[in-house]
Amino acid sequence: MFSIGDKVVYPMHGAGVIEAIEEKEILGDTKKYYVMNIPIGDMKVMIPLDKVTRVGLRGIIDEAGVLQVLSVLQEKHSAMSTNWNRRYRANMEKIKSGNIYEVAEVVRNLMVRERDKGLSTGERKMLECAKQILVSELVLARGVQVEEIEGMLQEMINGRP
């Protein structure tokens, strides 16, 4: 499905590059694994080849996808529940989906909420997680530095009413 050198996204962790395909024996069971390096957070993840579809591993977006993400970030923030618990659960589902456009929506909404009203500790952690996932994919898709993407995000959110 994927090859060494492919840029992929592992939902809830972010984007990275497949560095190797290794065979490992764990608890008497031998399986092949993708060894993925996620540069943001300097993390290595091993994903069993037979679980790739279930965990939602996918290739990174292309330039058209990047433009669509930027469009989502520039849209007016969507209505969110005033109930913290409902809002948190809805946002967590979007992040877990692995859909970059839904992650972008979470980042946009939470950044706007943080600017306007402030965030609870839980939502601040969620924003950081969602931002890391979003930034990691945009960095690999565009081939730019983390600081450039983070600066662009900040500009887009702070430049809106």
N, C-alpha and C. Protein backbone atom coordinates (compact mmCIF):
# COMPACT_ATOMS: atom_id res chain seq x y z
N MET A 1 0.83 -1.19 0.00
CA MET A 1 0.00 0.00 0.00
C MET A 1 0.88 1.26 0.00
N PHE A 2 1.76 1.39 1.00
CA PHE A 2 2.69 2.51 1.03
C PHE A 2 4.11 1.98 0.90
N SER A 3 5.02 2.88 0.52
CA SER A 3 6.42 2.50 0.35
C SER A 3 7.31 3.36 1.23
N ILE A 4 8.54 2.93 1.39
CA ILE A 4 9.52 3.72 2.14
C ILE A 4 9.66 5.07 1.44
N GLY A 5 9.63 6.13 2.24
CA GLY A 5 9.74 7.49 1.70
C GLY A 5 8.39 8.17 1.50
N ASP A 6 7.30 7.42 1.55
CA ASP A 6 5.97 8.02 1.38
C ASP A 6 5.64 8.90 2.58
N LYS A 7 4.98 10.01 2.29
CA LYS A 7 4.50 10.92 3.33
C LYS A 7 3.07 10.54 3.64
N VAL A 8 2.82 10.23 4.92
CA VAL A 8 1.50 9.74 5.33
C VAL A 8 1.03 10.44 6.60
N VAL A 9 -0.26 10.30 6.89
CA VAL A 9 -0.85 10.86 8.09
C VAL A 9 -1.42 9.73 8.93
N TYR A 10 -1.07 9.76 10.21
CA TYR A 10 -1.60 8.81 11.18
C TYR A 10 -2.53 9.62 12.08
N PRO A 11 -3.87 9.43 11.94
CA PRO A 11 -4.80 10.24 12.74
C PRO A 11 -4.45 10.24 14.22
N MET A 12 -4.63 11.38 14.84
CA MET A 12 -4.35 11.64 16.26
C MET A 12 -2.85 11.79 16.54
N HIS A 13 -2.00 11.56 15.56
CA HIS A 13 -0.56 11.72 15.76
C HIS A 13 0.04 12.76 14.82
N GLY A 14 -0.42 12.79 13.58
CA GLY A 14 0.09 13.76 12.63
C GLY A 14 0.73 13.11 11.43
N ALA A 15 1.42 13.94 10.64
CA ALA A 15 2.02 13.50 9.40
C ALA A 15 3.49 13.18 9.59
N GLY A 16 3.95 12.24 8.79
CA GLY A 16 5.35 11.85 8.85
C GLY A 16 5.74 11.08 7.61
N VAL A 17 6.89 10.47 7.67
CA VAL A 17 7.45 9.75 6.52
C VAL A 17 7.70 8.30 6.92
N ILE A 18 7.34 7.39 6.04
CA ILE A 18 7.62 5.98 6.29
C ILE A 18 9.12 5.76 6.04
N GLU A 19 9.82 5.38 7.10
CA GLU A 19 11.28 5.20 7.02
C GLU A 19 11.67 3.77 6.70
N ALA A 20 10.82 2.82 7.10
CA ALA A 20 11.18 1.41 6.90
C ALA A 20 9.93 0.55 6.99
N ILE A 21 10.07 -0.67 6.48
CA ILE A 21 9.05 -1.70 6.67
C ILE A 21 9.79 -2.85 7.31
N GLU A 22 9.41 -3.15 8.55
CA GLU A 22 10.14 -4.17 9.32
C GLU A 22 9.22 -5.29 9.74
N GLU A 23 9.82 -6.45 9.91
CA GLU A 23 9.08 -7.60 10.43
C GLU A 23 9.51 -7.78 11.88
N LYS A 24 8.52 -7.85 12.76
CA LYS A 24 8.80 -7.99 14.20
C LYS A 24 7.95 -9.11 14.77
N GLU A 25 8.51 -9.76 15.77
CA GLU A 25 7.75 -10.76 16.50
C GLU A 25 7.40 -10.17 17.86
N ILE A 26 6.09 -10.09 18.11
CA ILE A 26 5.60 -9.56 19.38
C ILE A 26 4.62 -10.58 19.94
N LEU A 27 4.91 -11.06 21.15
CA LEU A 27 4.09 -12.06 21.82
C LEU A 27 3.86 -13.29 20.93
N GLY A 28 4.91 -13.71 20.24
CA GLY A 28 4.86 -14.91 19.41
C GLY A 28 4.18 -14.71 18.07
N ASP A 29 3.74 -13.50 17.79
CA ASP A 29 3.06 -13.20 16.54
C ASP A 29 3.99 -12.35 15.66
N THR A 30 4.33 -12.84 14.49
CA THR A 30 5.21 -12.11 13.57
C THR A 30 4.36 -11.32 12.58
N LYS A 31 4.63 -10.02 12.52
CA LYS A 31 3.90 -9.13 11.60
C LYS A 31 4.87 -8.16 10.96
N LYS A 32 4.42 -7.60 9.83
CA LYS A 32 5.17 -6.52 9.19
C LYS A 32 4.60 -5.20 9.68
N TYR A 33 5.51 -4.23 9.86
CA TYR A 33 5.14 -2.91 10.36
C TYR A 33 5.73 -1.81 9.49
N TYR A 34 4.97 -0.74 9.33
CA TYR A 34 5.54 0.50 8.80
C TYR A 34 6.20 1.19 9.97
N VAL A 35 7.42 1.66 9.77
CA VAL A 35 8.09 2.48 10.78
C VAL A 35 8.00 3.91 10.27
N MET A 36 7.24 4.72 10.99
CA MET A 36 6.95 6.08 10.56
C MET A 36 7.63 7.08 11.48
N ASN A 37 8.32 8.04 10.89
CA ASN A 37 8.94 9.11 11.66
C ASN A 37 8.05 10.35 11.55
N ILE A 38 7.61 10.84 12.71
CA ILE A 38 6.81 12.06 12.75
C ILE A 38 7.73 13.16 13.27
N PRO A 39 8.15 14.06 12.37
CA PRO A 39 9.15 15.08 12.75
C PRO A 39 8.71 16.00 13.88
N ILE A 40 7.44 16.43 13.87
CA ILE A 40 6.97 17.32 14.92
C ILE A 40 6.74 16.46 16.16
N GLY A 41 7.48 16.73 17.19
CA GLY A 41 7.42 15.92 18.39
C GLY A 41 8.47 14.82 18.38
N ASP A 42 9.21 14.72 17.27
CA ASP A 42 10.30 13.75 17.13
C ASP A 42 9.88 12.36 17.62
N MET A 43 8.89 11.80 16.94
CA MET A 43 8.30 10.54 17.37
C MET A 43 8.43 9.49 16.27
N LYS A 44 8.66 8.26 16.69
CA LYS A 44 8.64 7.12 15.76
C LYS A 44 7.47 6.24 16.15
N VAL A 45 6.71 5.81 15.14
CA VAL A 45 5.52 5.00 15.36
C VAL A 45 5.61 3.77 14.48
N MET A 46 5.22 2.62 15.03
CA MET A 46 5.16 1.39 14.24
C MET A 46 3.70 1.03 14.04
N ILE A 47 3.31 0.87 12.78
CA ILE A 47 1.93 0.57 12.45
C ILE A 47 1.87 -0.77 11.73
N PRO A 48 1.14 -1.75 12.29
CA PRO A 48 1.04 -3.05 11.62
C PRO A 48 0.39 -2.90 10.24
N LEU A 49 0.98 -3.50 9.23
CA LEU A 49 0.44 -3.40 7.88
C LEU A 49 -1.00 -3.89 7.80
N ASP A 50 -1.35 -4.89 8.59
CA ASP A 50 -2.71 -5.42 8.53
C ASP A 50 -3.73 -4.54 9.25
N LYS A 51 -3.29 -3.45 9.87
CA LYS A 51 -4.20 -2.55 10.60
C LYS A 51 -4.25 -1.15 9.96
N VAL A 52 -3.59 -0.98 8.82
CA VAL A 52 -3.47 0.33 8.18
C VAL A 52 -4.84 0.95 7.90
N THR A 53 -5.75 0.18 7.34
CA THR A 53 -7.08 0.71 7.02
C THR A 53 -7.85 1.05 8.29
N ARG A 54 -7.78 0.18 9.28
CA ARG A 54 -8.52 0.39 10.52
C ARG A 54 -8.06 1.65 11.26
N VAL A 55 -6.75 1.91 11.28
CA VAL A 55 -6.25 3.09 12.00
C VAL A 55 -6.39 4.37 11.16
N GLY A 56 -6.69 4.22 9.87
CA GLY A 56 -6.93 5.40 9.03
C GLY A 56 -5.70 6.02 8.43
N LEU A 57 -4.60 5.27 8.34
CA LEU A 57 -3.38 5.80 7.72
C LEU A 57 -3.70 6.19 6.28
N ARG A 58 -3.29 7.38 5.89
CA ARG A 58 -3.56 7.86 4.52
C ARG A 58 -2.41 8.73 4.04
N GLY A 59 -2.35 8.92 2.73
CA GLY A 59 -1.34 9.81 2.16
C GLY A 59 -1.67 11.26 2.50
N ILE A 60 -0.65 12.12 2.44
CA ILE A 60 -0.89 13.54 2.74
C ILE A 60 -1.63 14.20 1.58
N ILE A 61 -2.18 15.36 1.85
CA ILE A 61 -2.93 16.10 0.84
C ILE A 61 -1.99 16.71 -0.19
N ASP A 62 -2.54 17.00 -1.37
CA ASP A 62 -1.78 17.66 -2.42
C ASP A 62 -2.01 19.17 -2.31
N GLU A 63 -1.51 19.93 -3.28
CA GLU A 63 -1.63 21.39 -3.24
C GLU A 63 -3.10 21.84 -3.25
N ALA A 64 -3.94 21.14 -4.01
CA ALA A 64 -5.37 21.48 -4.02
C ALA A 64 -5.97 21.28 -2.63
N GLY A 65 -5.53 20.23 -1.94
CA GLY A 65 -5.98 19.98 -0.57
C GLY A 65 -5.51 21.06 0.38
N VAL A 66 -4.26 21.52 0.18
CA VAL A 66 -3.72 22.61 1.01
C VAL A 66 -4.58 23.85 0.84
N LEU A 67 -4.93 24.17 -0.41
CA LEU A 67 -5.75 25.35 -0.67
C LEU A 67 -7.14 25.21 -0.03
N GLN A 68 -7.67 23.99 -0.03
CA GLN A 68 -8.97 23.76 0.61
C GLN A 68 -8.85 23.93 2.13
N VAL A 69 -7.75 23.46 2.73
CA VAL A 69 -7.52 23.65 4.17
C VAL A 69 -7.46 25.15 4.49
N LEU A 70 -6.72 25.90 3.66
CA LEU A 70 -6.61 27.34 3.88
C LEU A 70 -7.98 28.02 3.76
N SER A 71 -8.80 27.51 2.86
CA SER A 71 -10.15 28.04 2.71
C SER A 71 -10.98 27.78 3.97
N VAL A 72 -10.87 26.57 4.52
CA VAL A 72 -11.58 26.24 5.77
C VAL A 72 -11.13 27.16 6.89
N LEU A 73 -9.84 27.42 6.96
CA LEU A 73 -9.30 28.27 8.03
C LEU A 73 -9.80 29.71 7.91
N GLN A 74 -10.11 30.14 6.68
CA GLN A 74 -10.54 31.51 6.48
C GLN A 74 -12.05 31.70 6.62
N GLU A 75 -12.80 30.59 6.62
CA GLU A 75 -14.24 30.68 6.76
C GLU A 75 -14.61 31.22 8.14
N LYS A 76 -15.84 31.71 8.22
CA LYS A 76 -16.36 32.15 9.51
C LYS A 76 -16.43 30.93 10.42
N HIS A 77 -16.10 31.09 11.69
CA HIS A 77 -16.14 29.92 12.57
C HIS A 77 -17.57 29.42 12.70
N SER A 78 -17.69 28.11 12.81
CA SER A 78 -19.01 27.49 12.86
C SER A 78 -19.55 27.54 14.29
N ALA A 79 -20.86 27.41 14.37
CA ALA A 79 -21.52 27.44 15.68
C ALA A 79 -21.05 26.24 16.50
N MET A 80 -20.72 26.51 17.75
CA MET A 80 -20.30 25.45 18.66
C MET A 80 -21.22 25.49 19.87
N SER A 81 -21.40 24.33 20.46
CA SER A 81 -22.23 24.24 21.65
C SER A 81 -21.64 25.12 22.75
N THR A 82 -22.51 25.71 23.55
CA THR A 82 -22.02 26.48 24.69
C THR A 82 -21.66 25.55 25.83
N ASN A 83 -22.15 24.31 25.75
CA ASN A 83 -21.83 23.30 26.75
C ASN A 83 -20.42 22.78 26.49
N TRP A 84 -19.52 22.99 27.43
CA TRP A 84 -18.12 22.62 27.26
C TRP A 84 -17.97 21.15 26.91
N ASN A 85 -18.68 20.27 27.59
CA ASN A 85 -18.56 18.83 27.40
C ASN A 85 -18.98 18.42 25.98
N ARG A 86 -20.10 18.95 25.50
CA ARG A 86 -20.57 18.63 24.14
C ARG A 86 -19.59 19.14 23.10
N ARG A 87 -19.12 20.37 23.31
CA ARG A 87 -18.17 20.98 22.38
C ARG A 87 -16.89 20.15 22.32
N TYR A 88 -16.40 19.73 23.48
CA TYR A 88 -15.17 18.93 23.56
C TYR A 88 -15.34 17.61 22.82
N ARG A 89 -16.47 16.92 23.06
CA ARG A 89 -16.72 15.62 22.41
C ARG A 89 -16.82 15.78 20.89
N ALA A 90 -17.53 16.82 20.44
CA ALA A 90 -17.69 17.05 18.99
C ALA A 90 -16.34 17.32 18.35
N ASN A 91 -15.53 18.15 19.00
CA ASN A 91 -14.21 18.45 18.46
C ASN A 91 -13.31 17.21 18.46
N MET A 92 -13.38 16.41 19.50
CA MET A 92 -12.55 15.20 19.58
C MET A 92 -12.91 14.23 18.46
N GLU A 93 -14.19 14.10 18.16
CA GLU A 93 -14.62 13.22 17.06
C GLU A 93 -14.03 13.70 15.73
N LYS A 94 -14.02 15.00 15.53
CA LYS A 94 -13.45 15.56 14.29
C LYS A 94 -11.96 15.27 14.20
N ILE A 95 -11.26 15.40 15.30
CA ILE A 95 -9.81 15.15 15.30
C ILE A 95 -9.54 13.67 15.04
N LYS A 96 -10.30 12.80 15.71
CA LYS A 96 -10.11 11.35 15.55
C LYS A 96 -10.42 10.87 14.14
N SER A 97 -11.27 11.60 13.42
CA SER A 97 -11.69 11.19 12.08
C SER A 97 -10.49 11.08 11.13
N GLY A 98 -9.46 11.87 11.39
CA GLY A 98 -8.31 11.87 10.48
C GLY A 98 -8.53 12.76 9.27
N ASN A 99 -9.72 13.37 9.18
CA ASN A 99 -10.04 14.26 8.06
C ASN A 99 -9.39 15.63 8.30
N ILE A 100 -8.45 16.00 7.46
CA ILE A 100 -7.68 17.23 7.66
C ILE A 100 -8.57 18.47 7.66
N TYR A 101 -9.66 18.44 6.90
CA TYR A 101 -10.54 19.60 6.83
C TYR A 101 -11.32 19.77 8.14
N GLU A 102 -11.68 18.65 8.76
CA GLU A 102 -12.35 18.73 10.06
C GLU A 102 -11.37 19.17 11.15
N VAL A 103 -10.12 18.72 11.05
CA VAL A 103 -9.09 19.15 12.00
C VAL A 103 -8.87 20.65 11.84
N ALA A 104 -8.84 21.13 10.60
CA ALA A 104 -8.66 22.57 10.34
C ALA A 104 -9.82 23.37 10.94
N GLU A 105 -11.02 22.81 10.86
CA GLU A 105 -12.20 23.47 11.44
C GLU A 105 -12.06 23.58 12.96
N VAL A 106 -11.58 22.51 13.60
CA VAL A 106 -11.38 22.51 15.05
C VAL A 106 -10.34 23.57 15.42
N VAL A 107 -9.23 23.61 14.67
CA VAL A 107 -8.16 24.59 14.95
C VAL A 107 -8.72 26.00 14.80
N ARG A 108 -9.42 26.25 13.71
CA ARG A 108 -9.99 27.59 13.48
C ARG A 108 -10.93 27.98 14.60
N ASN A 109 -11.89 27.11 14.92
CA ASN A 109 -12.89 27.44 15.95
C ASN A 109 -12.26 27.66 17.33
N LEU A 110 -11.31 26.79 17.69
CA LEU A 110 -10.69 26.94 19.02
C LEU A 110 -9.75 28.14 19.08
N MET A 111 -9.07 28.45 17.97
CA MET A 111 -8.20 29.64 17.98
C MET A 111 -9.03 30.91 18.10
N VAL A 112 -10.17 30.94 17.42
CA VAL A 112 -11.06 32.11 17.51
C VAL A 112 -11.63 32.20 18.92
N ARG A 113 -12.05 31.07 19.46
CA ARG A 113 -12.60 31.07 20.83
C ARG A 113 -11.55 31.50 21.84
N GLU A 114 -10.31 31.02 21.64
CA GLU A 114 -9.23 31.39 22.55
C GLU A 114 -8.99 32.90 22.50
N ARG A 115 -8.98 33.45 21.30
CA ARG A 115 -8.76 34.89 21.13
C ARG A 115 -9.89 35.70 21.76
N ASP A 116 -11.14 35.25 21.56
CA ASP A 116 -12.29 36.03 22.00
C ASP A 116 -12.68 35.81 23.46
N LYS A 117 -12.62 34.55 23.93
CA LYS A 117 -13.13 34.24 25.26
C LYS A 117 -12.15 33.49 26.15
N GLY A 118 -11.09 32.97 25.58
CA GLY A 118 -10.17 32.13 26.34
C GLY A 118 -10.64 30.69 26.31
N LEU A 119 -9.73 29.78 26.60
CA LEU A 119 -10.03 28.35 26.59
C LEU A 119 -9.74 27.73 27.95
N SER A 120 -10.48 26.68 28.25
CA SER A 120 -10.19 25.90 29.45
C SER A 120 -8.89 25.13 29.19
N THR A 121 -8.33 24.56 30.23
CA THR A 121 -7.10 23.78 30.08
C THR A 121 -7.29 22.62 29.11
N GLY A 122 -8.42 21.92 29.21
CA GLY A 122 -8.69 20.79 28.32
C GLY A 122 -8.77 21.20 26.87
N GLU A 123 -9.46 22.31 26.61
CA GLU A 123 -9.58 22.78 25.23
C GLU A 123 -8.26 23.35 24.72
N ARG A 124 -7.46 23.92 25.60
CA ARG A 124 -6.15 24.42 25.18
C ARG A 124 -5.27 23.25 24.73
N LYS A 125 -5.33 22.14 25.49
CA LYS A 125 -4.56 20.94 25.10
C LYS A 125 -5.08 20.38 23.79
N MET A 126 -6.40 20.38 23.62
CA MET A 126 -6.99 19.90 22.38
C MET A 126 -6.55 20.75 21.20
N LEU A 127 -6.52 22.07 21.39
CA LEU A 127 -6.08 22.98 20.33
C LEU A 127 -4.63 22.67 19.96
N GLU A 128 -3.77 22.48 20.94
CA GLU A 128 -2.37 22.18 20.66
C GLU A 128 -2.22 20.87 19.88
N CYS A 129 -2.99 19.87 20.27
CA CYS A 129 -2.97 18.57 19.58
C CYS A 129 -3.44 18.73 18.13
N ALA A 130 -4.58 19.39 17.95
CA ALA A 130 -5.14 19.58 16.60
C ALA A 130 -4.19 20.42 15.74
N LYS A 131 -3.59 21.44 16.35
CA LYS A 131 -2.66 22.30 15.62
C LYS A 131 -1.44 21.49 15.18
N GLN A 132 -0.93 20.64 16.05
CA GLN A 132 0.24 19.81 15.71
C GLN A 132 -0.09 18.89 14.53
N ILE A 133 -1.27 18.29 14.54
CA ILE A 133 -1.69 17.41 13.45
C ILE A 133 -1.79 18.20 12.15
N LEU A 134 -2.44 19.36 12.21
CA LEU A 134 -2.63 20.20 11.03
C LEU A 134 -1.29 20.72 10.49
N VAL A 135 -0.48 21.27 11.38
CA VAL A 135 0.81 21.84 10.98
C VAL A 135 1.71 20.76 10.38
N SER A 136 1.75 19.58 10.99
CA SER A 136 2.63 18.52 10.50
C SER A 136 2.29 18.15 9.06
N GLU A 137 1.00 18.10 8.74
CA GLU A 137 0.62 17.76 7.36
C GLU A 137 0.90 18.90 6.39
N LEU A 138 0.61 20.12 6.80
CA LEU A 138 0.87 21.27 5.92
C LEU A 138 2.36 21.45 5.66
N VAL A 139 3.19 21.20 6.67
CA VAL A 139 4.64 21.31 6.51
C VAL A 139 5.14 20.32 5.45
N LEU A 140 4.67 19.07 5.54
CA LEU A 140 5.10 18.06 4.56
C LEU A 140 4.48 18.31 3.18
N ALA A 141 3.25 18.76 3.14
CA ALA A 141 2.57 19.00 1.86
C ALA A 141 3.19 20.17 1.11
N ARG A 142 3.59 21.21 1.86
CA ARG A 142 4.16 22.41 1.24
C ARG A 142 5.69 22.40 1.19
N GLY A 143 6.32 21.55 2.00
CA GLY A 143 7.78 21.52 2.04
C GLY A 143 8.39 22.77 2.65
N VAL A 144 7.73 23.29 3.70
CA VAL A 144 8.21 24.50 4.37
C VAL A 144 8.49 24.21 5.83
N GLN A 145 8.96 25.22 6.55
CA GLN A 145 9.28 25.08 7.96
C GLN A 145 8.03 25.24 8.83
N VAL A 146 8.08 24.63 10.00
CA VAL A 146 6.98 24.68 10.97
C VAL A 146 6.61 26.13 11.29
N GLU A 147 7.62 26.97 11.50
CA GLU A 147 7.38 28.37 11.90
C GLU A 147 6.56 29.11 10.84
N GLU A 148 6.80 28.79 9.56
CA GLU A 148 6.07 29.46 8.49
C GLU A 148 4.57 29.12 8.55
N ILE A 149 4.27 27.86 8.76
CA ILE A 149 2.86 27.42 8.84
C ILE A 149 2.21 27.99 10.10
N GLU A 150 2.90 27.93 11.23
CA GLU A 150 2.33 28.47 12.48
C GLU A 150 2.08 29.97 12.37
N GLY A 151 3.00 30.69 11.74
CA GLY A 151 2.82 32.12 11.55
C GLY A 151 1.62 32.43 10.66
N MET A 152 1.48 31.63 9.61
CA MET A 152 0.35 31.79 8.68
C MET A 152 -0.97 31.55 9.42
N LEU A 153 -1.02 30.51 10.24
CA LEU A 153 -2.24 30.23 11.02
C LEU A 153 -2.59 31.40 11.92
N GLN A 154 -1.60 31.90 12.63
CA GLN A 154 -1.80 33.01 13.56
C GLN A 154 -2.32 34.23 12.81
N GLU A 155 -1.72 34.52 11.66
CA GLU A 155 -2.15 35.67 10.86
C GLU A 155 -3.59 35.53 10.40
N MET A 156 -3.94 34.33 9.94
CA MET A 156 -5.30 34.10 9.43
C MET A 156 -6.34 34.29 10.52
N ILE A 157 -6.05 33.81 11.72
CA ILE A 157 -7.02 33.89 12.81
C ILE A 157 -7.07 35.29 13.40
N ASN A 158 -5.90 35.90 13.62
CA ASN A 158 -5.87 37.23 14.23
C ASN A 158 -6.33 38.33 13.26
N GLY A 159 -6.26 38.05 11.96
CA GLY A 159 -6.64 39.05 10.98
C GLY A 159 -8.13 39.08 10.71
N ARG A 160 -8.89 38.27 11.43
CA ARG A 160 -10.34 38.22 11.18
C ARG A 160 -11.09 38.95 12.28
N PRO A 161 -12.28 39.40 11.95
CA PRO A 161 -13.10 40.12 12.95
C PRO A 161 -13.62 39.19 14.03
